[in-house]
Amino acid sequence: MRITADMSLYPLTDDYKPTIIAFIKELQSVEGLEVVVNQLSTQLRGEFELVTGAVQQCLRRSMEVCDKQVLVVKYLSADLDIASPPELD
């Protein structure tokens, strides 16, 4: 089953940008995972096991570097086209 995820990472530190960038770059290195980054969040698309496994693995590594952070994730059981914005009618 293919799913779509929308997530935002909030490191609870003054120097938060390196943690966010490292987290996104690690997600982008996962083969078969589609990753789209915008100003507010990061979207992922792929097979259920790939998406959820990548989030778990990348979050664990991120928490080993920056132990105080919040990750907000929304999972959708649909394969949305995240590469282009939706058309509003």
PDB file of N, CA and C in Angstrom:
ATOM      1  N   MET A   1       0.841  -1.169   0.000  1.00  0.00           N
ATOM      2  CA  MET A   1       0.000   0.000   0.000  1.00  0.00           C
ATOM      3  C   MET A   1       0.893   1.241   0.000  1.00  0.00           C
ATOM      4  N   ARG A   2       0.589   2.179  -0.901  1.00  0.00           N
ATOM      5  CA  ARG A   2       1.323   3.441  -0.952  1.00  0.00           C
ATOM      6  C   ARG A   2       0.609   4.478  -0.095  1.00  0.00           C
ATOM      7  N   ILE A   3       1.418   5.264   0.636  1.00  0.00           N
ATOM      8  CA  ILE A   3       0.862   6.291   1.515  1.00  0.00           C
ATOM      9  C   ILE A   3       1.578   7.617   1.286  1.00  0.00           C
ATOM     10  N   THR A   4       1.004   8.658   1.851  1.00  0.00           N
ATOM     11  CA  THR A   4       1.591   9.990   1.835  1.00  0.00           C
ATOM     12  C   THR A   4       1.688  10.474   3.279  1.00  0.00           C
ATOM     13  N   ALA A   5       2.782  11.153   3.596  1.00  0.00           N
ATOM     14  CA  ALA A   5       2.962  11.697   4.938  1.00  0.00           C
ATOM     15  C   ALA A   5       3.333  13.166   4.836  1.00  0.00           C
ATOM     16  N   ASP A   6       2.877  13.936   5.803  1.00  0.00           N
ATOM     17  CA  ASP A   6       3.220  15.345   5.926  1.00  0.00           C
ATOM     18  C   ASP A   6       3.792  15.519   7.321  1.00  0.00           C
ATOM     19  N   MET A   7       4.969  16.142   7.415  1.00  0.00           N
ATOM     20  CA  MET A   7       5.576  16.244   8.738  1.00  0.00           C
ATOM     21  C   MET A   7       6.362  17.521   8.912  1.00  0.00           C
ATOM     22  N   SER A   8       6.504  17.888  10.188  1.00  0.00           N
ATOM     23  CA  SER A   8       7.283  19.053  10.585  1.00  0.00           C
ATOM     24  C   SER A   8       8.096  18.683  11.818  1.00  0.00           C
ATOM     25  N   LEU A   9       9.379  19.019  11.780  1.00  0.00           N
ATOM     26  CA  LEU A   9      10.285  18.743  12.892  1.00  0.00           C
ATOM     27  C   LEU A   9      10.581  20.044  13.628  1.00  0.00           C
ATOM     28  N   TYR A  10      10.493  19.986  14.953  1.00  0.00           N
ATOM     29  CA  TYR A  10      10.728  21.155  15.796  1.00  0.00           C
ATOM     30  C   TYR A  10      11.784  20.835  16.850  1.00  0.00           C
ATOM     31  N   PRO A  11      13.073  21.052  16.547  1.00  0.00           N
ATOM     32  CA  PRO A  11      14.102  20.887  17.573  1.00  0.00           C
ATOM     33  C   PRO A  11      13.931  21.973  18.635  1.00  0.00           C
ATOM     34  N   LEU A  12      13.989  21.590  19.879  1.00  0.00           N
ATOM     35  CA  LEU A  12      13.791  22.533  20.978  1.00  0.00           C
ATOM     36  C   LEU A  12      15.139  23.081  21.435  1.00  0.00           C
ATOM     37  N   THR A  13      15.760  23.815  20.510  1.00  0.00           N
ATOM     38  CA  THR A  13      17.060  24.413  20.754  1.00  0.00           C
ATOM     39  C   THR A  13      17.168  25.695  19.929  1.00  0.00           C
ATOM     40  N   ASP A  14      18.028  26.601  20.363  1.00  0.00           N
ATOM     41  CA  ASP A  14      18.202  27.852  19.622  1.00  0.00           C
ATOM     42  C   ASP A  14      18.798  27.616  18.230  1.00  0.00           C
ATOM     43  N   ASP A  15      19.690  26.663  18.121  1.00  0.00           N
ATOM     44  CA  ASP A  15      20.349  26.346  16.851  1.00  0.00           C
ATOM     45  C   ASP A  15      19.619  25.176  16.184  1.00  0.00           C
ATOM     46  N   TYR A  16      18.411  25.420  15.720  1.00  0.00           N
ATOM     47  CA  TYR A  16      17.534  24.354  15.230  1.00  0.00           C
ATOM     48  C   TYR A  16      17.738  23.981  13.764  1.00  0.00           C
ATOM     49  N   LYS A  17      18.230  24.909  12.953  1.00  0.00           N
ATOM     50  CA  LYS A  17      18.311  24.658  11.507  1.00  0.00           C
ATOM     51  C   LYS A  17      19.174  23.456  11.121  1.00  0.00           C
ATOM     52  N   PRO A  18      20.378  23.280  11.678  1.00  0.00           N
ATOM     53  CA  PRO A  18      21.192  22.120  11.287  1.00  0.00           C
ATOM     54  C   PRO A  18      20.498  20.782  11.545  1.00  0.00           C
ATOM     55  N   THR A  19      19.739  20.685  12.622  1.00  0.00           N
ATOM     56  CA  THR A  19      19.021  19.452  12.941  1.00  0.00           C
ATOM     57  C   THR A  19      17.956  19.165  11.893  1.00  0.00           C
ATOM     58  N   ILE A  20      17.216  20.184  11.503  1.00  0.00           N
ATOM     59  CA  ILE A  20      16.165  20.019  10.497  1.00  0.00           C
ATOM     60  C   ILE A  20      16.772  19.644   9.148  1.00  0.00           C
ATOM     61  N   ILE A  21      17.826  20.337   8.753  1.00  0.00           N
ATOM     62  CA  ILE A  21      18.468  20.071   7.470  1.00  0.00           C
ATOM     63  C   ILE A  21      19.032  18.658   7.419  1.00  0.00           C
ATOM     64  N   ALA A  22      19.683  18.226   8.484  1.00  0.00           N
ATOM     65  CA  ALA A  22      20.236  16.872   8.520  1.00  0.00           C
ATOM     66  C   ALA A  22      19.130  15.821   8.433  1.00  0.00           C
ATOM     67  N   PHE A  23      18.020  16.054   9.114  1.00  0.00           N
ATOM     68  CA  PHE A  23      16.882  15.135   9.092  1.00  0.00           C
ATOM     69  C   PHE A  23      16.330  15.010   7.671  1.00  0.00           C
ATOM     70  N   ILE A  24      16.139  16.131   6.999  1.00  0.00           N
ATOM     71  CA  ILE A  24      15.605  16.114   5.637  1.00  0.00           C
ATOM     72  C   ILE A  24      16.584  15.454   4.672  1.00  0.00           C
ATOM     73  N   LYS A  25      17.861  15.770   4.790  1.00  0.00           N
ATOM     74  CA  LYS A  25      18.857  15.169   3.893  1.00  0.00           C
ATOM     75  C   LYS A  25      18.924  13.661   4.060  1.00  0.00           C
ATOM     76  N   GLU A  26      18.769  13.194   5.284  1.00  0.00           N
ATOM     77  CA  GLU A  26      18.772  11.746   5.500  1.00  0.00           C
ATOM     78  C   GLU A  26      17.544  11.108   4.856  1.00  0.00           C
ATOM     79  N   LEU A  27      16.390  11.754   4.991  1.00  0.00           N
ATOM     80  CA  LEU A  27      15.188  11.245   4.322  1.00  0.00           C
ATOM     81  C   LEU A  27      15.383  11.216   2.811  1.00  0.00           C
ATOM     82  N   GLN A  28      15.997  12.254   2.258  1.00  0.00           N
ATOM     83  CA  GLN A  28      16.219  12.319   0.818  1.00  0.00           C
ATOM     84  C   GLN A  28      17.163  11.228   0.317  1.00  0.00           C
ATOM     85  N   SER A  29      17.970  10.681   1.195  1.00  0.00           N
ATOM     86  CA  SER A  29      18.916   9.633   0.787  1.00  0.00           C
ATOM     87  C   SER A  29      18.278   8.243   0.740  1.00  0.00           C
ATOM     88  N   VAL A  30      17.038   8.120   1.193  1.00  0.00           N
ATOM     89  CA  VAL A  30      16.358   6.818   1.206  1.00  0.00           C
ATOM     90  C   VAL A  30      15.860   6.503  -0.199  1.00  0.00           C
ATOM     91  N   GLU A  31      16.391   5.456  -0.780  1.00  0.00           N
ATOM     92  CA  GLU A  31      16.018   5.064  -2.135  1.00  0.00           C
ATOM     93  C   GLU A  31      14.557   4.639  -2.206  1.00  0.00           C
ATOM     94  N   GLY A  32      13.849   5.159  -3.208  1.00  0.00           N
ATOM     95  CA  GLY A  32      12.449   4.809  -3.420  1.00  0.00           C
ATOM     96  C   GLY A  32      11.467   5.704  -2.685  1.00  0.00           C
ATOM     97  N   LEU A  33      11.974   6.616  -1.859  1.00  0.00           N
ATOM     98  CA  LEU A  33      11.124   7.517  -1.092  1.00  0.00           C
ATOM     99  C   LEU A  33      11.063   8.865  -1.803  1.00  0.00           C
ATOM    100  N   GLU A  34       9.863   9.333  -2.120  1.00  0.00           N
ATOM    101  CA  GLU A  34       9.705  10.650  -2.730  1.00  0.00           C
ATOM    102  C   GLU A  34       9.596  11.673  -1.607  1.00  0.00           C
ATOM    103  N   VAL A  35      10.434  12.703  -1.661  1.00  0.00           N
ATOM    104  CA  VAL A  35      10.485  13.726  -0.616  1.00  0.00           C
ATOM    105  C   VAL A  35      10.326  15.096  -1.273  1.00  0.00           C
ATOM    106  N   VAL A  36       9.358  15.875  -0.788  1.00  0.00           N
ATOM    107  CA  VAL A  36       9.151  17.239  -1.257  1.00  0.00           C
ATOM    108  C   VAL A  36       9.200  18.152  -0.037  1.00  0.00           C
ATOM    109  N   VAL A  37      10.030  19.185  -0.129  1.00  0.00           N
ATOM    110  CA  VAL A  37      10.220  20.112   0.984  1.00  0.00           C
ATOM    111  C   VAL A  37       9.651  21.475   0.588  1.00  0.00           C
ATOM    112  N   ASN A  38       8.912  22.084   1.503  1.00  0.00           N
ATOM    113  CA  ASN A  38       8.472  23.456   1.278  1.00  0.00           C
ATOM    114  C   ASN A  38       8.725  24.270   2.546  1.00  0.00           C
ATOM    115  N   GLN A  39       8.219  25.481   2.583  1.00  0.00           N
ATOM    116  CA  GLN A  39       8.515  26.380   3.694  1.00  0.00           C
ATOM    117  C   GLN A  39       7.880  25.947   5.016  1.00  0.00           C
ATOM    118  N   LEU A  40       6.820  25.164   4.978  1.00  0.00           N
ATOM    119  CA  LEU A  40       6.105  24.812   6.202  1.00  0.00           C
ATOM    120  C   LEU A  40       6.287  23.379   6.661  1.00  0.00           C
ATOM    121  N   SER A  41       6.539  22.471   5.718  1.00  0.00           N
ATOM    122  CA  SER A  41       6.630  21.064   6.105  1.00  0.00           C
ATOM    123  C   SER A  41       7.350  20.266   5.029  1.00  0.00           C
ATOM    124  N   THR A  42       7.468  18.987   5.270  1.00  0.00           N
ATOM    125  CA  THR A  42       8.073  18.052   4.328  1.00  0.00           C
ATOM    126  C   THR A  42       7.057  16.958   4.055  1.00  0.00           C
ATOM    127  N   GLN A  43       6.885  16.632   2.782  1.00  0.00           N
ATOM    128  CA  GLN A  43       5.964  15.553   2.413  1.00  0.00           C
ATOM    129  C   GLN A  43       6.768  14.363   1.917  1.00  0.00           C
ATOM    130  N   LEU A  44       6.268  13.178   2.250  1.00  0.00           N
ATOM    131  CA  LEU A  44       6.874  11.923   1.822  1.00  0.00           C
ATOM    132  C   LEU A  44       5.821  11.095   1.111  1.00  0.00           C
ATOM    133  N   ARG A  45       6.271  10.280   0.156  1.00  0.00           N
ATOM    134  CA  ARG A  45       5.350   9.384  -0.526  1.00  0.00           C
ATOM    135  C   ARG A  45       6.092   8.108  -0.883  1.00  0.00           C
ATOM    136  N   GLY A  46       5.419   6.977  -0.680  1.00  0.00           N
ATOM    137  CA  GLY A  46       6.017   5.692  -1.014  1.00  0.00           C
ATOM    138  C   GLY A  46       5.231   4.568  -0.385  1.00  0.00           C
ATOM    139  N   GLU A  47       5.809   3.387  -0.438  1.00  0.00           N
ATOM    140  CA  GLU A  47       5.190   2.223   0.191  1.00  0.00           C
ATOM    141  C   GLU A  47       5.133   2.417   1.706  1.00  0.00           C
ATOM    142  N   PHE A  48       4.076   1.899   2.319  1.00  0.00           N
ATOM    143  CA  PHE A  48       3.839   2.083   3.763  1.00  0.00           C
ATOM    144  C   PHE A  48       5.085   1.774   4.580  1.00  0.00           C
ATOM    145  N   GLU A  49       5.663   0.607   4.378  1.00  0.00           N
ATOM    146  CA  GLU A  49       6.822   0.187   5.177  1.00  0.00           C
ATOM    147  C   GLU A  49       8.016   1.101   4.954  1.00  0.00           C
ATOM    148  N   LEU A  50       8.193   1.566   3.714  1.00  0.00           N
ATOM    149  CA  LEU A  50       9.315   2.446   3.402  1.00  0.00           C
ATOM    150  C   LEU A  50       9.147   3.801   4.090  1.00  0.00           C
ATOM    151  N   VAL A  51       7.969   4.394   3.978  1.00  0.00           N
ATOM    152  CA  VAL A  51       7.717   5.719   4.571  1.00  0.00           C
ATOM    153  C   VAL A  51       7.830   5.651   6.089  1.00  0.00           C
ATOM    154  N   THR A  52       7.104   4.743   6.713  1.00  0.00           N
ATOM    155  CA  THR A  52       7.114   4.686   8.180  1.00  0.00           C
ATOM    156  C   THR A  52       8.475   4.260   8.719  1.00  0.00           C
ATOM    157  N   GLY A  53       9.137   3.351   8.022  1.00  0.00           N
ATOM    158  CA  GLY A  53      10.470   2.919   8.440  1.00  0.00           C
ATOM    159  C   GLY A  53      11.495   4.036   8.331  1.00  0.00           C
ATOM    160  N   ALA A  54      11.423   4.815   7.249  1.00  0.00           N
ATOM    161  CA  ALA A  54      12.353   5.927   7.065  1.00  0.00           C
ATOM    162  C   ALA A  54      12.145   6.988   8.139  1.00  0.00           C
ATOM    163  N   VAL A  55      10.896   7.301   8.442  1.00  0.00           N
ATOM    164  CA  VAL A  55      10.610   8.283   9.488  1.00  0.00           C
ATOM    165  C   VAL A  55      11.176   7.801  10.825  1.00  0.00           C
ATOM    166  N   GLN A  56      10.925   6.550  11.148  1.00  0.00           N
ATOM    167  CA  GLN A  56      11.411   6.000  12.418  1.00  0.00           C
ATOM    168  C   GLN A  56      12.938   6.020  12.489  1.00  0.00           C
ATOM    169  N   GLN A  57      13.589   5.563  11.439  1.00  0.00           N
ATOM    170  CA  GLN A  57      15.050   5.486  11.423  1.00  0.00           C
ATOM    171  C   GLN A  57      15.681   6.884  11.485  1.00  0.00           C
ATOM    172  N   CYS A  58      15.179   7.799  10.670  1.00  0.00           N
ATOM    173  CA  CYS A  58      15.750   9.148  10.632  1.00  0.00           C
ATOM    174  C   CYS A  58      15.480   9.910  11.930  1.00  0.00           C
ATOM    175  N   LEU A  59      14.320   9.705  12.525  1.00  0.00           N
ATOM    176  CA  LEU A  59      14.014  10.362  13.790  1.00  0.00           C
ATOM    177  C   LEU A  59      14.913   9.835  14.904  1.00  0.00           C
ATOM    178  N   ARG A  60      15.132   8.546  14.924  1.00  0.00           N
ATOM    179  CA  ARG A  60      16.012   7.971  15.950  1.00  0.00           C
ATOM    180  C   ARG A  60      17.410   8.581  15.862  1.00  0.00           C
ATOM    181  N   ARG A  61      17.949   8.656  14.652  1.00  0.00           N
ATOM    182  CA  ARG A  61      19.285   9.241  14.480  1.00  0.00           C
ATOM    183  C   ARG A  61      19.291  10.720  14.876  1.00  0.00           C
ATOM    184  N   SER A  62      18.241  11.430  14.514  1.00  0.00           N
ATOM    185  CA  SER A  62      18.156  12.839  14.868  1.00  0.00           C
ATOM    186  C   SER A  62      18.098  13.033  16.375  1.00  0.00           C
ATOM    187  N   MET A  63      17.350  12.173  17.055  1.00  0.00           N
ATOM    188  CA  MET A  63      17.230  12.279  18.509  1.00  0.00           C
ATOM    189  C   MET A  63      18.524  11.907  19.222  1.00  0.00           C
ATOM    190  N   GLU A  64      19.373  11.130  18.577  1.00  0.00           N
ATOM    191  CA  GLU A  64      20.671  10.810  19.162  1.00  0.00           C
ATOM    192  C   GLU A  64      21.580  12.034  19.162  1.00  0.00           C
ATOM    193  N   VAL A  65      21.353  12.963  18.214  1.00  0.00           N
ATOM    194  CA  VAL A  65      22.153  14.183  18.116  1.00  0.00           C
ATOM    195  C   VAL A  65      21.514  15.323  18.912  1.00  0.00           C
ATOM    196  N   CYS A  66      20.208  15.456  18.774  1.00  0.00           N
ATOM    197  CA  CYS A  66      19.455  16.520  19.455  1.00  0.00           C
ATOM    198  C   CYS A  66      18.305  15.845  20.200  1.00  0.00           C
ATOM    199  N   ASP A  67      18.466  15.652  21.492  1.00  0.00           N
ATOM    200  CA  ASP A  67      17.515  14.827  22.232  1.00  0.00           C
ATOM    201  C   ASP A  67      16.176  15.495  22.517  1.00  0.00           C
ATOM    202  N   LYS A  68      16.088  16.801  22.373  1.00  0.00           N
ATOM    203  CA  LYS A  68      14.811  17.482  22.650  1.00  0.00           C
ATOM    204  C   LYS A  68      14.246  18.041  21.354  1.00  0.00           C
ATOM    205  N   GLN A  69      13.274  17.311  20.814  1.00  0.00           N
ATOM    206  CA  GLN A  69      12.635  17.736  19.580  1.00  0.00           C
ATOM    207  C   GLN A  69      11.250  17.127  19.481  1.00  0.00           C
ATOM    208  N   VAL A  70      10.429  17.757  18.656  1.00  0.00           N
ATOM    209  CA  VAL A  70       9.065  17.288  18.428  1.00  0.00           C
ATOM    210  C   VAL A  70       8.919  17.034  16.939  1.00  0.00           C
ATOM    211  N   LEU A  71       8.355  15.888  16.589  1.00  0.00           N
ATOM    212  CA  LEU A  71       8.040  15.587  15.198  1.00  0.00           C
ATOM    213  C   LEU A  71       6.536  15.405  15.090  1.00  0.00           C
ATOM    214  N   VAL A  72       5.912  16.217  14.239  1.00  0.00           N
ATOM    215  CA  VAL A  72       4.474  16.117  13.987  1.00  0.00           C
ATOM    216  C   VAL A  72       4.317  15.473  12.617  1.00  0.00           C
ATOM    217  N   VAL A  73       3.633  14.316  12.573  1.00  0.00           N
ATOM    218  CA  VAL A  73       3.460  13.587  11.319  1.00  0.00           C
ATOM    219  C   VAL A  73       1.984  13.288  11.106  1.00  0.00           C
ATOM    220  N   LYS A  74       1.543  13.504   9.873  1.00  0.00           N
ATOM    221  CA  LYS A  74       0.194  13.103   9.465  1.00  0.00           C
ATOM    222  C   LYS A  74       0.366  12.077   8.356  1.00  0.00           C
ATOM    223  N   TYR A  75      -0.231  10.909   8.537  1.00  0.00           N
ATOM    224  CA  TYR A  75      -0.186   9.850   7.528  1.00  0.00           C
ATOM    225  C   TYR A  75      -1.535   9.781   6.830  1.00  0.00           C
ATOM    226  N   LEU A  76      -1.494   9.686   5.518  1.00  0.00           N
ATOM    227  CA  LEU A  76      -2.707   9.566   4.723  1.00  0.00           C
ATOM    228  C   LEU A  76      -2.637   8.276   3.922  1.00  0.00           C
ATOM    229  N   SER A  77      -3.670   7.475   4.013  1.00  0.00           N
ATOM    230  CA  SER A  77      -3.683   6.192   3.295  1.00  0.00           C
ATOM    231  C   SER A  77      -4.103   6.402   1.843  1.00  0.00           C
ATOM    232  N   ALA A  78      -3.363   7.270   1.158  1.00  0.00           N
ATOM    233  CA  ALA A  78      -3.589   7.559  -0.258  1.00  0.00           C
ATOM    234  C   ALA A  78      -2.264   7.978  -0.876  1.00  0.00           C
ATOM    235  N   ASP A  79      -2.142   7.744  -2.149  1.00  0.00           N
ATOM    236  CA  ASP A  79      -0.926   8.046  -2.894  1.00  0.00           C
ATOM    237  C   ASP A  79      -1.099   9.391  -3.603  1.00  0.00           C
ATOM    238  N   LEU A  80      -0.925  10.494  -2.865  1.00  0.00           N
ATOM    239  CA  LEU A  80      -1.120  11.827  -3.428  1.00  0.00           C
ATOM    240  C   LEU A  80       0.070  12.248  -4.274  1.00  0.00           C
ATOM    241  N   ASP A  81      -0.205  13.029  -5.309  1.00  0.00           N
ATOM    242  CA  ASP A  81       0.855  13.621  -6.106  1.00  0.00           C
ATOM    243  C   ASP A  81       1.386  14.822  -5.333  1.00  0.00           C
ATOM    244  N   ILE A  82       2.526  14.657  -4.696  1.00  0.00           N
ATOM    245  CA  ILE A  82       3.065  15.729  -3.869  1.00  0.00           C
ATOM    246  C   ILE A  82       4.030  16.620  -4.635  1.00  0.00           C
ATOM    247  N   ALA A  83       4.336  16.268  -5.875  1.00  0.00           N
ATOM    248  CA  ALA A  83       5.292  17.043  -6.663  1.00  0.00           C
ATOM    249  C   ALA A  83       4.686  18.304  -7.258  1.00  0.00           C
ATOM    250  N   SER A  84       3.356  18.358  -7.348  1.00  0.00           N
ATOM    251  CA  SER A  84       2.722  19.544  -7.924  1.00  0.00           C
ATOM    252  C   SER A  84       1.558  19.979  -7.032  1.00  0.00           C
ATOM    253  N   PRO A  85       1.312  21.285  -6.971  1.00  0.00           N
ATOM    254  CA  PRO A  85       0.214  21.756  -6.117  1.00  0.00           C
ATOM    255  C   PRO A  85      -1.138  21.350  -6.694  1.00  0.00           C
ATOM    256  N   PRO A  86      -2.126  21.228  -5.829  1.00  0.00           N
ATOM    257  CA  PRO A  86      -3.464  20.848  -6.303  1.00  0.00           C
ATOM    258  C   PRO A  86      -4.109  21.994  -7.068  1.00  0.00           C
ATOM    259  N   GLU A  87      -4.993  21.627  -7.976  1.00  0.00           N
ATOM    260  CA  GLU A  87      -5.765  22.641  -8.688  1.00  0.00           C
ATOM    261  C   GLU A  87      -7.025  22.936  -7.890  1.00  0.00           C
ATOM    262  N   LEU A  88      -7.254  24.202  -7.618  1.00  0.00           N
ATOM    263  CA  LEU A  88      -8.427  24.610  -6.857  1.00  0.00           C
ATOM    264  C   LEU A  88      -9.516  25.035  -7.846  1.00  0.00           C
ATOM    265  N   ASP A  89     -10.647  24.427  -7.739  1.00  0.00           N
ATOM    266  CA  ASP A  89     -11.753  24.763  -8.642  1.00  0.00           C
ATOM    267  C   ASP A  89     -12.649  25.816  -8.029  1.00  0.00           C
TER     268      ASP A  89
END
